[in-house]
Amino acid sequence: MKTTALLATGIDHIELVAANIPEPGPGELVVEALYTPISPGTEMRCLAGRQIGVSFPYIPGYSMIGRIGARGPGVTIPEGTLVFCQGTEKADRALAWGGHIAHALRSAASVFPLPAGIDPLSAALAKLAAIAYRGVRVAKTQPHEEVAVVGLGPIGQLSARLHRLAGARVVAADLDASRVALAQSAGIEALVPTEGLVPAFAQRQPTGADVVVDSTGAPPVLQQSVRLVKSKPWDNSLTEPARLVIQGSYAEDVIFDYHQAFYRELSVLFPRDNQPRDIEAVLRFIAGGQLNTRDLISEVCTPQEAPRIYAALRAAKPGLVTAAFDWQ
């Protein structure tokens, strides 16, 4: 089947090209793309040539919202059903998850029909929301706890909202005032740490945080994030260890102060992607109005505009959190 896709052909170079996917076989279907969102951390690292196991050229992208088109034998999902899925599983091009494509070949078992009434564009961020929600689940955040979120890109914004949905008090920070304002508009206590990260959080969380979420991908910031964690009293109390949840996208080893971690008896958690239950949960949250994602898609553009929007993300354009491609 002939289609079109975005193709990363070299460092910081992307273009719209012709592509082909196979016709659906037994248990397979074709998803006709409506929207495919950009995951800035991973995609920009891949486009910079810094992702292990990814080499040019490749079709990028994590996920899509689309409509069921062609179906293979044994598929019972009706044609026209709106679904969330990840990238195409097969194509005549190499895939770095293969999400930015006009048609995706998927197994029927791997797509998620959208809940009734959900906004398809809001649902496009379900993958990123599920990654953030996986962080909430592995941290086992409790309603009585304090959470600090460092970095307010898409994952940080979603992490702040989902930890708050778990009942915790959340304080978040970013150097970009527009991202701080966006978090504040969503009801998050957020700040620009003009006086430094540690002093800024100390004013809001003087005894430290039970859970610190690093979503920056910046090693120097991670070293400071460790110091935001609550120190553990060395007595017979049954307090749970504080947790550092690393949700940032790192191309190299991460390093932080051993003594800072030691005296906090710190648990360091690395949420690994997401599970299907996380996708299902965040789709319910979005459909039920508990989680707003639409405001995080700063721009909706055509696939032909991909070079411009990736350049804007690379330049960290103020006010740009992420974008989605409209394939309709």
C-alpha atoms as a PDB file:
ATOM      1  CA  MET A   1       0.000   0.000   0.000  1.00  0.00           C
ATOM      2  CA  LYS A   2       1.401   3.384  -1.024  1.00  0.00           C
ATOM      3  CA  THR A   3       1.493   6.124   1.607  1.00  0.00           C
ATOM      4  CA  THR A   4       3.620   9.054   2.767  1.00  0.00           C
ATOM      5  CA  ALA A   5       5.820   9.465   5.820  1.00  0.00           C
ATOM      6  CA  LEU A   6       8.329  11.758   7.443  1.00  0.00           C
ATOM      7  CA  LEU A   7      11.873  10.512   6.974  1.00  0.00           C
ATOM      8  CA  ALA A   8      14.893  11.620   8.981  1.00  0.00           C
ATOM      9  CA  THR A   9      17.729  11.420   6.470  1.00  0.00           C
ATOM     10  CA  GLY A  10      20.570  12.966   8.464  1.00  0.00           C
ATOM     11  CA  ILE A  11      21.372  15.085  11.481  1.00  0.00           C
ATOM     12  CA  ASP A  12      18.675  17.737  11.873  1.00  0.00           C
ATOM     13  CA  HIS A  13      17.261  16.922   8.432  1.00  0.00           C
ATOM     14  CA  ILE A  14      13.742  15.628   7.856  1.00  0.00           C
ATOM     15  CA  GLU A  15      11.511  15.458   4.788  1.00  0.00           C
ATOM     16  CA  LEU A  16       8.184  14.099   3.571  1.00  0.00           C
ATOM     17  CA  VAL A  17       8.639  11.082   1.297  1.00  0.00           C
ATOM     18  CA  ALA A  18       6.714   8.283  -0.378  1.00  0.00           C
ATOM     19  CA  ALA A  19       6.591   5.017   1.572  1.00  0.00           C
ATOM     20  CA  ASN A  20       4.928   1.638   1.382  1.00  0.00           C
ATOM     21  CA  ILE A  21       3.354  -0.665   3.948  1.00  0.00           C
ATOM     22  CA  PRO A  22       2.145  -4.229   3.310  1.00  0.00           C
ATOM     23  CA  GLU A  23      -1.506  -5.066   2.858  1.00  0.00           C
ATOM     24  CA  PRO A  24      -2.986  -6.285   6.161  1.00  0.00           C
ATOM     25  CA  GLY A  25      -2.729 -10.002   6.839  1.00  0.00           C
ATOM     26  CA  PRO A  26      -4.692 -12.111   9.329  1.00  0.00           C
ATOM     27  CA  GLY A  27      -5.250 -10.181  12.557  1.00  0.00           C
ATOM     28  CA  GLU A  28      -3.825  -6.977  11.071  1.00  0.00           C
ATOM     29  CA  LEU A  29      -5.377  -3.664  10.106  1.00  0.00           C
ATOM     30  CA  VAL A  30      -4.464  -0.323   8.614  1.00  0.00           C
ATOM     31  CA  VAL A  31      -4.864   2.853  10.662  1.00  0.00           C
ATOM     32  CA  GLU A  32      -5.396   5.994   8.585  1.00  0.00           C
ATOM     33  CA  ALA A  33      -3.608   8.754  10.503  1.00  0.00           C
ATOM     34  CA  LEU A  34      -5.439  11.835  11.745  1.00  0.00           C
ATOM     35  CA  TYR A  35      -2.816  13.257  14.142  1.00  0.00           C
ATOM     36  CA  THR A  36       0.714  12.238  15.089  1.00  0.00           C
ATOM     37  CA  PRO A  37       2.351  14.162  17.971  1.00  0.00           C
ATOM     38  CA  ILE A  38       6.036  14.892  18.420  1.00  0.00           C
ATOM     39  CA  SER A  39       7.832  13.499  21.471  1.00  0.00           C
ATOM     40  CA  PRO A  40      10.516  16.207  21.732  1.00  0.00           C
ATOM     41  CA  GLY A  41      12.992  14.491  24.077  1.00  0.00           C
ATOM     42  CA  THR A  42      13.378  11.238  22.195  1.00  0.00           C
ATOM     43  CA  GLU A  43      12.790  12.576  18.692  1.00  0.00           C
ATOM     44  CA  MET A  44      15.255  15.451  19.003  1.00  0.00           C
ATOM     45  CA  ARG A  45      17.887  13.098  20.433  1.00  0.00           C
ATOM     46  CA  CYS A  46      17.358  10.718  17.493  1.00  0.00           C
ATOM     47  CA  LEU A  47      17.465  13.577  14.993  1.00  0.00           C
ATOM     48  CA  ALA A  48      20.756  14.718  16.511  1.00  0.00           C
ATOM     49  CA  GLY A  49      22.190  11.232  15.887  1.00  0.00           C
ATOM     50  CA  ARG A  50      22.534  10.480  19.609  1.00  0.00           C
ATOM     51  CA  GLN A  51      20.117   7.553  20.040  1.00  0.00           C
ATOM     52  CA  ILE A  52      21.699   4.139  20.504  1.00  0.00           C
ATOM     53  CA  GLY A  53      20.406   1.672  17.938  1.00  0.00           C
ATOM     54  CA  VAL A  54      18.920   4.288  15.595  1.00  0.00           C
ATOM     55  CA  SER A  55      20.653   5.165  12.330  1.00  0.00           C
ATOM     56  CA  PHE A  56      19.602   7.280   9.363  1.00  0.00           C
ATOM     57  CA  PRO A  57      17.361   7.144   7.418  1.00  0.00           C
ATOM     58  CA  TYR A  58      14.322   6.254   9.521  1.00  0.00           C
ATOM     59  CA  ILE A  59      10.642   7.112  10.054  1.00  0.00           C
ATOM     60  CA  PRO A  60      10.320   8.835  13.452  1.00  0.00           C
ATOM     61  CA  GLY A  61       7.403   9.217  15.827  1.00  0.00           C
ATOM     62  CA  TYR A  62       5.901   7.495  18.841  1.00  0.00           C
ATOM     63  CA  SER A  63       2.189   7.363  18.196  1.00  0.00           C
ATOM     64  CA  MET A  64      -0.915   8.378  16.302  1.00  0.00           C
ATOM     65  CA  ILE A  65      -4.629   8.886  16.451  1.00  0.00           C
ATOM     66  CA  GLY A  66      -6.338   7.455  13.408  1.00  0.00           C
ATOM     67  CA  ARG A  67      -9.275   5.676  11.888  1.00  0.00           C
ATOM     68  CA  ILE A  68      -9.487   1.984  11.033  1.00  0.00           C
ATOM     69  CA  GLY A  69      -9.302   1.515   7.278  1.00  0.00           C
ATOM     70  CA  ALA A  70      -8.439  -1.780   5.610  1.00  0.00           C
ATOM     71  CA  ARG A  71      -8.740  -4.948   7.714  1.00  0.00           C
ATOM     72  CA  GLY A  72      -7.240  -8.387   7.375  1.00  0.00           C
ATOM     73  CA  PRO A  73      -9.033 -11.677   8.019  1.00  0.00           C
ATOM     74  CA  GLY A  74     -10.251 -12.181  11.587  1.00  0.00           C
ATOM     75  CA  VAL A  75     -10.315  -8.490  12.561  1.00  0.00           C
ATOM     76  CA  THR A  76     -13.591  -7.554  14.234  1.00  0.00           C
ATOM     77  CA  ILE A  77     -12.987  -3.863  14.997  1.00  0.00           C
ATOM     78  CA  PRO A  78     -15.350  -1.973  12.655  1.00  0.00           C
ATOM     79  CA  GLU A  79     -13.955   0.156   9.872  1.00  0.00           C
ATOM     80  CA  GLY A  80     -14.053   3.831  10.775  1.00  0.00           C
ATOM     81  CA  THR A  81     -13.382   3.230  14.478  1.00  0.00           C
ATOM     82  CA  LEU A  82     -11.174   5.933  16.002  1.00  0.00           C
ATOM     83  CA  VAL A  83      -8.135   4.415  17.722  1.00  0.00           C
ATOM     84  CA  PHE A  84      -4.886   5.267  19.423  1.00  0.00           C
ATOM     85  CA  CYS A  85      -1.838   3.282  18.352  1.00  0.00           C
ATOM     86  CA  GLN A  86       1.916   3.469  18.162  1.00  0.00           C
ATOM     87  CA  GLY A  87       3.824   3.680  14.891  1.00  0.00           C
ATOM     88  CA  THR A  88       3.513   1.356  11.952  1.00  0.00           C
ATOM     89  CA  GLU A  89       4.880  -2.124  12.617  1.00  0.00           C
ATOM     90  CA  LYS A  90       5.991  -2.651   9.015  1.00  0.00           C
ATOM     91  CA  ALA A  91       7.173  -0.395   6.195  1.00  0.00           C
ATOM     92  CA  ASP A  92       9.747  -0.296   3.417  1.00  0.00           C
ATOM     93  CA  ARG A  93      11.803   2.143   5.501  1.00  0.00           C
ATOM     94  CA  ALA A  94      13.644   1.703   8.791  1.00  0.00           C
ATOM     95  CA  LEU A  95      11.583   2.696  11.809  1.00  0.00           C
ATOM     96  CA  ALA A  96      12.474   4.706  14.894  1.00  0.00           C
ATOM     97  CA  TRP A  97       8.996   3.732  16.088  1.00  0.00           C
ATOM     98  CA  GLY A  98       7.392   4.811  12.812  1.00  0.00           C
ATOM     99  CA  GLY A  99       4.638   7.092  14.074  1.00  0.00           C
ATOM    100  CA  HIS A 100       4.822   9.936  11.555  1.00  0.00           C
ATOM    101  CA  ILE A 101       3.206   8.137   8.642  1.00  0.00           C
ATOM    102  CA  ALA A 102      -0.114   8.578   6.853  1.00  0.00           C
ATOM    103  CA  HIS A 103      -1.037   4.878   7.164  1.00  0.00           C
ATOM    104  CA  ALA A 104       0.130   2.425   9.831  1.00  0.00           C
ATOM    105  CA  LEU A 105      -0.020  -1.350   9.684  1.00  0.00           C
ATOM    106  CA  ARG A 106      -0.813  -2.696  13.164  1.00  0.00           C
ATOM    107  CA  SER A 107      -1.963  -5.918  14.759  1.00  0.00           C
ATOM    108  CA  ALA A 108      -5.580  -5.525  15.852  1.00  0.00           C
ATOM    109  CA  ALA A 109      -4.612  -6.442  19.411  1.00  0.00           C
ATOM    110  CA  SER A 110      -2.260  -3.449  19.645  1.00  0.00           C
ATOM    111  CA  VAL A 111      -4.718  -0.612  18.976  1.00  0.00           C
ATOM    112  CA  PHE A 112      -6.880   1.139  21.562  1.00  0.00           C
ATOM    113  CA  PRO A 113     -10.379   2.244  20.497  1.00  0.00           C
ATOM    114  CA  LEU A 114     -11.020   5.752  21.808  1.00  0.00           C
ATOM    115  CA  PRO A 115     -13.611   6.279  24.536  1.00  0.00           C
ATOM    116  CA  ALA A 116     -16.844   7.861  23.332  1.00  0.00           C
ATOM    117  CA  GLY A 117     -16.792  11.640  23.182  1.00  0.00           C
ATOM    118  CA  ILE A 118     -13.028  12.078  23.577  1.00  0.00           C
ATOM    119  CA  ASP A 119     -11.329  14.809  21.543  1.00  0.00           C
ATOM    120  CA  PRO A 120      -9.019  12.979  19.093  1.00  0.00           C
ATOM    121  CA  LEU A 121      -6.362  15.707  19.225  1.00  0.00           C
ATOM    122  CA  SER A 122      -6.275  15.574  23.036  1.00  0.00           C
ATOM    123  CA  ALA A 123      -5.974  11.791  22.842  1.00  0.00           C
ATOM    124  CA  ALA A 124      -2.918  12.138  20.571  1.00  0.00           C
ATOM    125  CA  LEU A 125      -0.736  12.719  23.662  1.00  0.00           C
ATOM    126  CA  ALA A 126      -1.863   9.461  25.285  1.00  0.00           C
ATOM    127  CA  LYS A 127       1.554   7.864  24.785  1.00  0.00           C
ATOM    128  CA  LEU A 128       3.414  10.685  26.536  1.00  0.00           C
ATOM    129  CA  ALA A 129       0.761  10.817  29.248  1.00  0.00           C
ATOM    130  CA  ALA A 130       1.074   7.061  29.758  1.00  0.00           C
ATOM    131  CA  ILE A 131       4.858   7.380  30.195  1.00  0.00           C
ATOM    132  CA  ALA A 132       4.279  10.074  32.827  1.00  0.00           C
ATOM    133  CA  TYR A 133       1.595   7.954  34.488  1.00  0.00           C
ATOM    134  CA  ARG A 134       3.962   4.998  34.606  1.00  0.00           C
ATOM    135  CA  GLY A 135       6.216   7.292  36.675  1.00  0.00           C
ATOM    136  CA  VAL A 136       3.362   7.912  39.129  1.00  0.00           C
ATOM    137  CA  ARG A 137       2.744   4.193  39.430  1.00  0.00           C
ATOM    138  CA  VAL A 138       6.365   3.162  40.014  1.00  0.00           C
ATOM    139  CA  ALA A 139       6.796   5.992  42.538  1.00  0.00           C
ATOM    140  CA  LYS A 140       3.592   4.880  44.318  1.00  0.00           C
ATOM    141  CA  THR A 141       2.814   8.519  45.048  1.00  0.00           C
ATOM    142  CA  GLN A 142       0.482   8.990  48.021  1.00  0.00           C
ATOM    143  CA  PRO A 143      -2.079  11.777  48.640  1.00  0.00           C
ATOM    144  CA  HIS A 144      -0.221  13.051  51.727  1.00  0.00           C
ATOM    145  CA  GLU A 145       3.105  13.448  49.906  1.00  0.00           C
ATOM    146  CA  GLU A 146       5.032  16.370  48.435  1.00  0.00           C
ATOM    147  CA  VAL A 147       6.158  16.103  44.812  1.00  0.00           C
ATOM    148  CA  ALA A 148       8.704  18.326  43.032  1.00  0.00           C
ATOM    149  CA  VAL A 149       8.724  18.323  39.213  1.00  0.00           C
ATOM    150  CA  VAL A 150      11.790  19.779  37.504  1.00  0.00           C
ATOM    151  CA  GLY A 151      11.343  20.677  33.846  1.00  0.00           C
ATOM    152  CA  LEU A 152       8.021  21.483  32.217  1.00  0.00           C
ATOM    153  CA  GLY A 153       8.263  20.017  28.759  1.00  0.00           C
ATOM    154  CA  PRO A 154       5.455  17.610  27.782  1.00  0.00           C
ATOM    155  CA  ILE A 155       6.518  14.864  30.195  1.00  0.00           C
ATOM    156  CA  GLY A 156       7.040  17.308  33.062  1.00  0.00           C
ATOM    157  CA  GLN A 157       3.689  19.009  32.457  1.00  0.00           C
ATOM    158  CA  LEU A 158       1.906  15.660  32.331  1.00  0.00           C
ATOM    159  CA  SER A 159       3.805  14.326  35.352  1.00  0.00           C
ATOM    160  CA  ALA A 160       2.819  17.364  37.423  1.00  0.00           C
ATOM    161  CA  ARG A 161      -0.845  16.933  36.487  1.00  0.00           C
ATOM    162  CA  LEU A 162      -0.903  13.185  37.085  1.00  0.00           C
ATOM    163  CA  HIS A 163       0.901  13.312  40.444  1.00  0.00           C
ATOM    164  CA  ARG A 164      -1.592  15.971  41.489  1.00  0.00           C
ATOM    165  CA  LEU A 165      -4.399  13.704  40.256  1.00  0.00           C
ATOM    166  CA  ALA A 166      -2.996  11.088  42.652  1.00  0.00           C
ATOM    167  CA  GLY A 167      -3.685  13.589  45.439  1.00  0.00           C
ATOM    168  CA  ALA A 168      -0.174  14.853  46.153  1.00  0.00           C
ATOM    169  CA  ARG A 169       0.847  18.478  46.515  1.00  0.00           C
ATOM    170  CA  VAL A 170       2.951  19.309  43.465  1.00  0.00           C
ATOM    171  CA  VAL A 171       5.470  22.123  43.001  1.00  0.00           C
ATOM    172  CA  ALA A 172       7.047  22.441  39.557  1.00  0.00           C
ATOM    173  CA  ALA A 173       9.746  24.601  37.970  1.00  0.00           C
ATOM    174  CA  ASP A 174      11.155  25.558  34.595  1.00  0.00           C
ATOM    175  CA  LEU A 175      13.359  28.381  33.301  1.00  0.00           C
ATOM    176  CA  ASP A 176      10.824  29.094  30.528  1.00  0.00           C
ATOM    177  CA  ALA A 177       8.233  31.482  31.976  1.00  0.00           C
ATOM    178  CA  SER A 178       5.674  30.503  29.321  1.00  0.00           C
ATOM    179  CA  ARG A 179       5.850  26.863  30.407  1.00  0.00           C
ATOM    180  CA  VAL A 180       5.487  27.883  34.039  1.00  0.00           C
ATOM    181  CA  ALA A 181       2.419  29.948  33.128  1.00  0.00           C
ATOM    182  CA  LEU A 182       0.975  26.951  31.257  1.00  0.00           C
ATOM    183  CA  ALA A 183       1.388  24.746  34.323  1.00  0.00           C
ATOM    184  CA  GLN A 184      -0.157  27.416  36.518  1.00  0.00           C
ATOM    185  CA  SER A 185      -3.158  27.653  34.190  1.00  0.00           C
ATOM    186  CA  ALA A 186      -3.651  23.931  34.784  1.00  0.00           C
ATOM    187  CA  GLY A 187      -3.715  24.504  38.556  1.00  0.00           C
ATOM    188  CA  ILE A 188      -0.110  23.507  39.256  1.00  0.00           C
ATOM    189  CA  GLU A 189       1.974  25.479  41.761  1.00  0.00           C
ATOM    190  CA  ALA A 190       4.819  26.394  39.420  1.00  0.00           C
ATOM    191  CA  LEU A 191       7.734  28.824  39.443  1.00  0.00           C
ATOM    192  CA  VAL A 192      10.731  30.156  37.540  1.00  0.00           C
ATOM    193  CA  PRO A 193      13.740  29.424  39.814  1.00  0.00           C
ATOM    194  CA  THR A 194      15.468  32.745  39.294  1.00  0.00           C
ATOM    195  CA  GLU A 195      17.394  32.426  42.563  1.00  0.00           C
ATOM    196  CA  GLY A 196      18.549  28.881  41.787  1.00  0.00           C
ATOM    197  CA  LEU A 197      16.728  25.559  41.782  1.00  0.00           C
ATOM    198  CA  VAL A 198      17.457  24.434  45.344  1.00  0.00           C
ATOM    199  CA  PRO A 199      16.697  27.792  47.055  1.00  0.00           C
ATOM    200  CA  ALA A 200      13.518  28.214  44.987  1.00  0.00           C
ATOM    201  CA  PHE A 201      12.117  24.847  46.035  1.00  0.00           C
ATOM    202  CA  ALA A 202      13.252  25.345  49.638  1.00  0.00           C
ATOM    203  CA  GLN A 203      10.868  28.288  49.878  1.00  0.00           C
ATOM    204  CA  ARG A 204       7.909  26.122  48.810  1.00  0.00           C
ATOM    205  CA  GLN A 205       8.929  22.739  50.235  1.00  0.00           C
ATOM    206  CA  PRO A 206      11.204  23.606  53.194  1.00  0.00           C
ATOM    207  CA  THR A 207      11.569  20.000  54.388  1.00  0.00           C
ATOM    208  CA  GLY A 208      12.059  18.645  50.883  1.00  0.00           C
ATOM    209  CA  ALA A 209       9.966  16.481  48.588  1.00  0.00           C
ATOM    210  CA  ASP A 210       8.967  12.853  49.002  1.00  0.00           C
ATOM    211  CA  VAL A 211       9.100  12.406  45.222  1.00  0.00           C
ATOM    212  CA  VAL A 212      11.249  14.398  42.798  1.00  0.00           C
ATOM    213  CA  VAL A 213      10.528  13.999  39.088  1.00  0.00           C
ATOM    214  CA  ASP A 214      13.385  14.977  36.789  1.00  0.00           C
ATOM    215  CA  SER A 215      12.110  15.528  33.256  1.00  0.00           C
ATOM    216  CA  THR A 216      14.850  17.798  31.958  1.00  0.00           C
ATOM    217  CA  GLY A 217      17.344  15.449  30.311  1.00  0.00           C
ATOM    218  CA  ALA A 218      20.028  17.900  31.496  1.00  0.00           C
ATOM    219  CA  PRO A 219      22.773  16.234  33.627  1.00  0.00           C
ATOM    220  CA  PRO A 220      23.721  19.425  35.550  1.00  0.00           C
ATOM    221  CA  VAL A 221      20.089  19.931  36.553  1.00  0.00           C
ATOM    222  CA  LEU A 222      19.741  16.310  37.643  1.00  0.00           C
ATOM    223  CA  GLN A 223      22.604  16.828  40.096  1.00  0.00           C
ATOM    224  CA  GLN A 224      20.619  19.643  41.687  1.00  0.00           C
ATOM    225  CA  SER A 225      17.353  17.695  41.623  1.00  0.00           C
ATOM    226  CA  VAL A 226      18.811  15.122  44.030  1.00  0.00           C
ATOM    227  CA  ARG A 227      19.132  17.884  46.621  1.00  0.00           C
ATOM    228  CA  LEU A 228      15.390  18.599  46.475  1.00  0.00           C
ATOM    229  CA  VAL A 229      14.628  15.234  48.047  1.00  0.00           C
ATOM    230  CA  LYS A 230      13.593  15.080  51.694  1.00  0.00           C
ATOM    231  CA  SER A 231      16.290  13.898  54.089  1.00  0.00           C
ATOM    232  CA  LYS A 232      15.396  10.784  56.024  1.00  0.00           C
ATOM    233  CA  PRO A 233      15.610  10.914  59.843  1.00  0.00           C
ATOM    234  CA  TRP A 234      17.965   8.222  61.155  1.00  0.00           C
ATOM    235  CA  ASP A 235      15.774   6.755  63.876  1.00  0.00           C
ATOM    236  CA  ASN A 236      13.259   3.972  64.338  1.00  0.00           C
ATOM    237  CA  SER A 237      10.533   5.690  62.309  1.00  0.00           C
ATOM    238  CA  LEU A 238       8.892   3.789  59.485  1.00  0.00           C
ATOM    239  CA  THR A 239       9.133   6.589  56.919  1.00  0.00           C
ATOM    240  CA  GLU A 240       9.325   5.433  53.333  1.00  0.00           C
ATOM    241  CA  PRO A 241      12.493   6.286  51.389  1.00  0.00           C
ATOM    242  CA  ALA A 242      12.211   9.343  49.207  1.00  0.00           C
ATOM    243  CA  ARG A 243      12.187   8.699  45.467  1.00  0.00           C
ATOM    244  CA  LEU A 244      13.879  10.305  42.502  1.00  0.00           C
ATOM    245  CA  VAL A 245      11.947   9.492  39.323  1.00  0.00           C
ATOM    246  CA  ILE A 246      14.083  10.026  36.234  1.00  0.00           C
ATOM    247  CA  GLN A 247      11.679  10.799  33.401  1.00  0.00           C
ATOM    248  CA  GLY A 248      14.125  12.917  31.401  1.00  0.00           C
ATOM    249  CA  SER A 249      15.529  11.598  28.142  1.00  0.00           C
ATOM    250  CA  TYR A 250      19.298  11.125  28.501  1.00  0.00           C
ATOM    251  CA  ALA A 251      21.740  10.282  25.741  1.00  0.00           C
ATOM    252  CA  GLU A 252      24.607   9.458  28.121  1.00  0.00           C
ATOM    253  CA  ASP A 253      25.287   8.259  31.660  1.00  0.00           C
ATOM    254  CA  VAL A 254      23.643  10.159  34.486  1.00  0.00           C
ATOM    255  CA  ILE A 255      25.788  11.221  37.454  1.00  0.00           C
ATOM    256  CA  PHE A 256      24.846  12.737  40.789  1.00  0.00           C
ATOM    257  CA  ASP A 257      26.350  13.261  44.229  1.00  0.00           C
ATOM    258  CA  TYR A 258      26.673   9.961  46.080  1.00  0.00           C
ATOM    259  CA  HIS A 259      26.596  11.604  49.510  1.00  0.00           C
ATOM    260  CA  GLN A 260      23.410  13.532  48.750  1.00  0.00           C
ATOM    261  CA  ALA A 261      21.744  10.267  47.757  1.00  0.00           C
ATOM    262  CA  PHE A 262      23.266   8.275  50.614  1.00  0.00           C
ATOM    263  CA  TYR A 263      22.072  10.541  53.420  1.00  0.00           C
ATOM    264  CA  ARG A 264      18.597  10.573  51.934  1.00  0.00           C
ATOM    265  CA  GLU A 265      18.569   6.770  51.542  1.00  0.00           C
ATOM    266  CA  LEU A 266      17.344   7.625  48.092  1.00  0.00           C
ATOM    267  CA  SER A 267      15.452   5.273  45.795  1.00  0.00           C
ATOM    268  CA  VAL A 268      16.145   6.093  42.146  1.00  0.00           C
ATOM    269  CA  LEU A 269      13.464   4.951  39.709  1.00  0.00           C
ATOM    270  CA  PHE A 270      13.658   4.699  35.928  1.00  0.00           C
ATOM    271  CA  PRO A 271      10.147   4.215  34.526  1.00  0.00           C
ATOM    272  CA  ARG A 272      10.524   2.107  31.424  1.00  0.00           C
ATOM    273  CA  ASP A 273       8.126   3.357  28.769  1.00  0.00           C
ATOM    274  CA  ASN A 274       4.522   2.363  29.574  1.00  0.00           C
ATOM    275  CA  GLN A 275       2.239  -0.629  29.761  1.00  0.00           C
ATOM    276  CA  PRO A 276      -1.113  -1.051  27.952  1.00  0.00           C
ATOM    277  CA  ARG A 277      -2.920  -0.412  31.247  1.00  0.00           C
ATOM    278  CA  ASP A 278      -1.268   3.017  31.379  1.00  0.00           C
ATOM    279  CA  ILE A 279      -2.625   3.914  27.929  1.00  0.00           C
ATOM    280  CA  GLU A 280      -6.088   2.741  28.940  1.00  0.00           C
ATOM    281  CA  ALA A 281      -5.959   4.725  32.186  1.00  0.00           C
ATOM    282  CA  VAL A 282      -4.892   8.034  30.639  1.00  0.00           C
ATOM    283  CA  LEU A 283      -7.471   7.733  27.862  1.00  0.00           C
ATOM    284  CA  ARG A 284     -10.111   7.407  30.600  1.00  0.00           C
ATOM    285  CA  PHE A 285      -8.664  10.432  32.417  1.00  0.00           C
ATOM    286  CA  ILE A 286      -8.734  12.514  29.226  1.00  0.00           C
ATOM    287  CA  ALA A 287     -12.234  11.402  28.285  1.00  0.00           C
ATOM    288  CA  GLY A 288     -13.500  12.093  31.813  1.00  0.00           C
ATOM    289  CA  GLY A 289     -12.015  15.580  31.964  1.00  0.00           C
ATOM    290  CA  GLN A 290      -9.575  14.677  34.749  1.00  0.00           C
ATOM    291  CA  LEU A 291      -6.509  15.248  32.564  1.00  0.00           C
ATOM    292  CA  ASN A 292      -6.134  18.121  30.110  1.00  0.00           C
ATOM    293  CA  THR A 293      -3.596  17.473  27.357  1.00  0.00           C
ATOM    294  CA  ARG A 294      -4.852  19.689  24.539  1.00  0.00           C
ATOM    295  CA  ASP A 295      -3.125  22.815  25.866  1.00  0.00           C
ATOM    296  CA  LEU A 296       0.258  21.076  25.590  1.00  0.00           C
ATOM    297  CA  ILE A 297      -0.002  20.837  21.802  1.00  0.00           C
ATOM    298  CA  SER A 298       1.226  24.319  21.018  1.00  0.00           C
ATOM    299  CA  GLU A 299       0.836  23.981  17.263  1.00  0.00           C
ATOM    300  CA  VAL A 300      -0.952  21.737  14.782  1.00  0.00           C
ATOM    301  CA  CYS A 301       0.728  21.759  11.381  1.00  0.00           C
ATOM    302  CA  THR A 302       0.943  19.789   8.159  1.00  0.00           C
ATOM    303  CA  PRO A 303       3.632  17.142   7.614  1.00  0.00           C
ATOM    304  CA  GLN A 304       5.125  19.439   4.954  1.00  0.00           C
ATOM    305  CA  GLU A 305       5.964  21.876   7.763  1.00  0.00           C
ATOM    306  CA  ALA A 306       8.060  19.307   9.645  1.00  0.00           C
ATOM    307  CA  PRO A 307      11.470  20.951   8.964  1.00  0.00           C
ATOM    308  CA  ARG A 308      10.218  24.249  10.408  1.00  0.00           C
ATOM    309  CA  ILE A 309       8.641  22.771  13.523  1.00  0.00           C
ATOM    310  CA  TYR A 310      11.630  20.536  14.338  1.00  0.00           C
ATOM    311  CA  ALA A 311      13.932  23.547  13.927  1.00  0.00           C
ATOM    312  CA  ALA A 312      11.740  25.510  16.350  1.00  0.00           C
ATOM    313  CA  LEU A 313      11.894  22.671  18.884  1.00  0.00           C
ATOM    314  CA  ARG A 314      15.665  22.434  18.462  1.00  0.00           C
ATOM    315  CA  ALA A 315      15.929  26.170  19.146  1.00  0.00           C
ATOM    316  CA  ALA A 316      13.684  25.819  22.228  1.00  0.00           C
ATOM    317  CA  LYS A 317      11.282  28.434  20.893  1.00  0.00           C
ATOM    318  CA  PRO A 318       9.462  30.031  23.869  1.00  0.00           C
ATOM    319  CA  GLY A 319       5.868  28.936  24.165  1.00  0.00           C
ATOM    320  CA  LEU A 320       6.396  25.777  22.113  1.00  0.00           C
ATOM    321  CA  VAL A 321       5.854  22.669  24.235  1.00  0.00           C
ATOM    322  CA  THR A 322       5.177  20.207  21.442  1.00  0.00           C
ATOM    323  CA  ALA A 323       3.328  19.974  18.145  1.00  0.00           C
ATOM    324  CA  ALA A 324       1.209  17.513  16.213  1.00  0.00           C
ATOM    325  CA  PHE A 325       0.991  16.790  12.505  1.00  0.00           C
ATOM    326  CA  ASP A 326      -2.445  16.815  10.876  1.00  0.00           C
ATOM    327  CA  TRP A 327      -2.519  14.159   8.143  1.00  0.00           C
ATOM    328  CA  GLN A 328      -6.117  14.774   7.047  1.00  0.00           C
END
